[in-house]
Amino acid sequence: MNPYAWNEVSNMLFLSQPIGVGFSYESKVVGVIDQHTGFPINSSQPDGRYSDVNGTRFSTTQLAAVGTWEVLQALFDDLPQLDSRVKSRSFNLWTESYGGHYGPAFYKYFYDQNELIKNGSSKGVELNMHTLGIINGIVSASIQTPYYPEFAANNTYGIKAVNDTIYTFMKMNWEFPDGCRDAIQYCVDGDRSTPDGLAACSQAVGICRNLVEGPY
């Protein structure tokens, strides 16, 4: 017997977040995409099956954390019937890309729910929080965004993904007054609990994605 062999396995649950990405859907429409709205509509001559999603149901990271907790609670509640061999409540969360934001927020919410379960304030299955992994995550726009043009044109792989004109255009949109860099700072300085604060952050996302990240 190999003394270094693992005697445990991890069961994996893949969640598409938000609802509508990947192969996930809230409801489906057999029809076509409306040319004016971009949303699926029913049609007597359908060309596919489309995901129909209420975009405001889980429109924030906090709401997404609540929805994910509810999914996990439903899974663990039914686990004895699904597979009675699974006894462990050790929980690991791995996220990717925007998971740089989702991961910490989800873990914070899960921790708070665990504490409520412990003190009897809430019912549910307590999770043994073990590992949070973030793969290629978006963590800080102010730190990461200026490196999009650098990675596109001056990376260690020797691949020049954009020409010098596009590279200069990306850098200019990061640096010029009221450009991406300033827009991010307006978001940081604003009160994100107000409509104006949220609008500043939304504008920052639009400017940075379209003019700095987008060309790459």
Protein backbone atom coordinates (compact mmCIF):
# COMPACT_ATOMS: atom_id res chain seq x y z
CA MET A 1 0.00 0.00 0.00
CA ASN A 2 1.32 3.44 -0.96
CA PRO A 3 1.66 5.41 2.31
CA TYR A 4 1.29 8.65 0.35
CA ALA A 5 -1.95 7.72 -1.41
CA TRP A 6 -4.94 9.94 -0.76
CA ASN A 7 -7.86 8.21 0.94
CA GLU A 8 -10.35 11.02 0.31
CA VAL A 9 -11.87 12.52 -2.81
CA SER A 10 -13.59 15.85 -3.42
CA ASN A 11 -16.97 16.10 -5.05
CA MET A 12 -17.23 19.01 -7.48
CA LEU A 13 -20.23 21.25 -8.08
CA PHE A 14 -20.01 23.67 -11.01
CA LEU A 15 -22.14 26.82 -10.76
CA SER A 16 -22.64 29.24 -13.64
CA GLN A 17 -22.83 32.76 -12.25
CA PRO A 18 -24.80 34.84 -13.01
CA ILE A 19 -27.74 32.77 -14.24
CA GLY A 20 -27.74 32.77 -18.04
CA VAL A 21 -24.03 32.28 -18.65
CA GLY A 22 -22.67 28.96 -19.85
CA PHE A 23 -25.49 26.47 -20.28
CA SER A 24 -27.56 27.79 -17.37
CA TYR A 25 -30.98 29.34 -17.74
CA GLU A 26 -33.85 30.54 -15.58
CA SER A 27 -36.43 29.67 -18.21
CA LYS A 28 -36.14 28.97 -21.92
CA VAL A 29 -37.68 30.45 -25.03
CA VAL A 30 -38.04 28.46 -28.23
CA GLY A 31 -37.90 31.27 -30.74
CA VAL A 32 -35.60 33.94 -32.14
CA ILE A 33 -33.58 36.91 -30.91
CA ASP A 34 -35.43 40.20 -31.23
CA GLN A 35 -33.35 42.47 -33.48
CA HIS A 36 -34.30 45.59 -31.51
CA THR A 37 -33.96 44.45 -27.90
CA GLY A 38 -31.47 41.61 -28.17
CA PHE A 39 -33.73 39.41 -26.02
CA PRO A 40 -35.33 36.09 -27.08
CA ILE A 41 -38.98 36.05 -28.13
CA ASN A 42 -41.35 33.24 -29.07
CA SER A 43 -41.71 32.58 -32.77
CA SER A 44 -43.64 30.18 -35.00
CA GLN A 45 -40.38 29.79 -36.93
CA PRO A 46 -37.78 29.35 -34.18
CA ASP A 47 -34.10 29.11 -34.91
CA GLY A 48 -33.05 27.92 -31.46
CA ARG A 49 -33.67 27.58 -27.72
CA TYR A 50 -32.57 30.61 -25.74
CA SER A 51 -32.02 31.41 -22.09
CA ASP A 52 -34.56 33.87 -20.72
CA VAL A 53 -33.26 35.49 -17.53
CA ASN A 54 -34.49 38.15 -15.15
CA GLY A 55 -31.35 40.29 -15.18
CA THR A 56 -32.20 42.12 -11.97
CA ARG A 57 -32.81 39.04 -9.80
CA PHE A 58 -29.11 38.51 -9.00
CA SER A 59 -27.71 41.78 -10.30
CA THR A 60 -25.20 42.37 -7.49
CA THR A 61 -22.42 40.30 -5.97
CA GLN A 62 -24.27 40.26 -2.65
CA LEU A 63 -27.46 38.90 -4.24
CA ALA A 64 -25.37 36.31 -6.09
CA ALA A 65 -23.88 35.19 -2.76
CA VAL A 66 -27.37 34.75 -1.30
CA GLY A 67 -28.53 32.74 -4.32
CA THR A 68 -25.44 30.53 -4.23
CA TRP A 69 -25.86 29.87 -0.49
CA GLU A 70 -29.45 28.78 -1.13
CA VAL A 71 -28.31 26.39 -3.87
CA LEU A 72 -25.70 24.86 -1.54
CA GLN A 73 -28.20 24.54 1.29
CA ALA A 74 -30.63 22.72 -0.98
CA LEU A 75 -27.85 20.38 -2.13
CA PHE A 76 -26.61 19.54 1.37
CA ASP A 77 -30.18 19.15 2.64
CA ASP A 78 -30.88 16.51 -0.02
CA LEU A 79 -27.42 14.92 0.11
CA PRO A 80 -28.44 11.97 2.32
CA GLN A 81 -30.91 10.94 -0.37
CA LEU A 82 -28.58 11.77 -3.26
CA ASP A 83 -25.55 9.92 -1.87
CA SER A 84 -25.50 8.71 1.72
CA ARG A 85 -21.76 7.99 1.52
CA VAL A 86 -20.88 11.70 1.52
CA LYS A 87 -20.41 12.73 5.15
CA SER A 88 -17.88 15.56 5.04
CA ARG A 89 -18.96 19.20 5.21
CA SER A 90 -15.51 20.50 4.30
CA PHE A 91 -16.10 23.13 1.65
CA ASN A 92 -13.69 24.57 -0.92
CA LEU A 93 -14.61 27.39 -3.33
CA TRP A 94 -12.66 27.99 -6.53
CA THR A 95 -13.49 30.95 -8.74
CA GLU A 96 -12.21 32.40 -12.00
CA SER A 97 -12.05 35.86 -13.60
CA TYR A 98 -14.78 37.97 -11.91
CA GLY A 99 -14.47 35.37 -9.16
CA GLY A 100 -11.80 37.72 -7.81
CA HIS A 101 -14.81 39.67 -6.53
CA TYR A 102 -17.29 36.81 -6.14
CA GLY A 103 -14.96 34.58 -4.13
CA PRO A 104 -14.22 36.86 -1.14
CA ALA A 105 -17.81 38.18 -1.05
CA PHE A 106 -19.27 34.66 -1.16
CA TYR A 107 -16.95 33.43 1.59
CA LYS A 108 -17.81 36.40 3.79
CA TYR A 109 -21.52 35.76 3.35
CA PHE A 110 -21.11 32.00 3.93
CA TYR A 111 -19.11 32.71 7.10
CA ASP A 112 -21.81 35.05 8.40
CA GLN A 113 -24.49 32.43 7.72
CA ASN A 114 -22.43 29.80 9.53
CA GLU A 115 -22.25 32.06 12.58
CA LEU A 116 -26.04 32.53 12.53
CA ILE A 117 -26.51 28.75 12.37
CA LYS A 118 -24.07 28.25 15.26
CA ASN A 119 -25.88 30.65 17.60
CA GLY A 120 -29.30 29.36 16.64
CA SER A 121 -30.43 32.51 14.83
CA SER A 122 -30.85 30.68 11.54
CA LYS A 123 -31.54 27.17 10.34
CA GLY A 124 -29.39 25.41 7.81
CA VAL A 125 -26.37 23.20 7.21
CA GLU A 126 -23.13 24.67 8.55
CA LEU A 127 -20.26 24.48 6.06
CA ASN A 128 -16.70 23.82 7.17
CA MET A 129 -14.99 26.59 5.21
CA HIS A 130 -11.65 25.26 4.05
CA THR A 131 -10.17 26.86 0.92
CA LEU A 132 -10.82 29.85 -1.32
CA GLY A 133 -9.03 29.69 -4.66
CA ILE A 134 -8.98 32.49 -7.26
CA ILE A 135 -7.80 31.69 -10.79
CA ASN A 136 -6.75 34.60 -13.03
CA GLY A 137 -9.05 36.78 -10.96
CA ILE A 138 -10.14 40.37 -11.35
CA VAL A 139 -9.04 41.77 -8.01
CA SER A 140 -8.19 45.46 -8.49
CA ALA A 141 -9.06 47.42 -11.63
CA SER A 142 -6.66 50.24 -10.71
CA ILE A 143 -3.75 47.79 -10.52
CA GLN A 144 -4.62 45.39 -13.33
CA THR A 145 -6.15 47.56 -16.07
CA PRO A 146 -2.99 49.49 -17.10
CA TYR A 147 -1.31 46.17 -17.82
CA TYR A 148 -3.78 45.13 -20.54
CA PRO A 149 -1.87 47.05 -23.23
CA GLU A 150 1.45 45.85 -21.84
CA PHE A 151 0.38 42.21 -21.87
CA ALA A 152 -1.07 42.60 -25.36
CA ALA A 153 2.10 44.06 -26.87
CA ASN A 154 5.05 43.37 -24.54
CA ASN A 155 4.36 39.97 -22.97
CA THR A 156 6.88 37.28 -22.05
CA TYR A 157 5.49 34.96 -24.75
CA GLY A 158 6.83 37.14 -27.57
CA ILE A 159 3.33 37.50 -29.04
CA LYS A 160 2.37 40.95 -30.32
CA ALA A 161 -1.42 40.73 -30.16
CA VAL A 162 -1.97 44.37 -31.18
CA ASN A 163 0.04 46.73 -33.39
CA ASP A 164 1.75 49.86 -32.11
CA THR A 165 -1.18 52.09 -33.06
CA ILE A 166 -3.65 50.06 -31.00
CA TYR A 167 -1.15 49.77 -28.15
CA THR A 168 -0.78 53.57 -28.04
CA PHE A 169 -4.57 53.98 -28.24
CA MET A 170 -5.07 51.67 -25.24
CA LYS A 171 -2.44 53.46 -23.14
CA MET A 172 -3.86 56.87 -24.07
CA ASN A 173 -7.35 55.83 -22.94
CA TRP A 174 -5.92 54.77 -19.60
CA GLU A 175 -3.97 57.98 -19.04
CA PHE A 176 -5.94 60.89 -20.53
CA PRO A 177 -8.00 63.20 -18.24
CA ASP A 178 -11.38 61.68 -17.33
CA GLY A 179 -10.24 58.45 -18.97
CA CYS A 180 -10.12 54.99 -17.45
CA ARG A 181 -7.71 55.79 -14.60
CA ASP A 182 -9.68 58.86 -13.48
CA ALA A 183 -13.00 57.04 -13.88
CA ILE A 184 -11.83 54.27 -11.56
CA GLN A 185 -10.81 56.88 -8.98
CA TYR A 186 -14.23 58.57 -9.22
CA CYS A 187 -15.76 55.17 -8.48
CA VAL A 188 -13.45 54.59 -5.50
CA ASP A 189 -14.15 58.06 -4.08
CA GLY A 190 -17.92 57.84 -4.61
CA ASP A 191 -20.62 56.52 -2.31
CA ARG A 192 -21.65 53.24 -3.91
CA SER A 193 -24.78 53.09 -1.78
CA THR A 194 -26.23 55.94 -3.86
CA PRO A 195 -27.38 56.04 -7.52
CA ASP A 196 -24.68 58.59 -8.36
CA GLY A 197 -21.98 56.39 -6.84
CA LEU A 198 -23.19 53.35 -8.75
CA ALA A 199 -23.38 55.40 -11.95
CA ALA A 200 -19.74 56.48 -11.52
CA CYS A 201 -18.64 52.85 -11.18
CA SER A 202 -20.78 51.78 -14.13
CA GLN A 203 -19.20 54.51 -16.24
CA ALA A 204 -15.72 53.39 -15.18
CA VAL A 205 -16.47 49.83 -16.23
CA GLY A 206 -17.73 51.01 -19.63
CA ILE A 207 -14.75 53.27 -20.33
CA CYS A 208 -12.11 50.77 -19.21
CA ARG A 209 -13.66 47.75 -20.89
CA ASN A 210 -14.39 49.43 -24.21
CA LEU A 211 -11.30 51.58 -24.60
CA VAL A 212 -8.49 49.81 -22.71
CA GLU A 213 -9.37 46.13 -22.45
CA GLY A 214 -11.64 45.94 -25.50
CA PRO A 215 -9.06 46.57 -28.24
CA TYR A 216 -7.04 43.62 -26.92
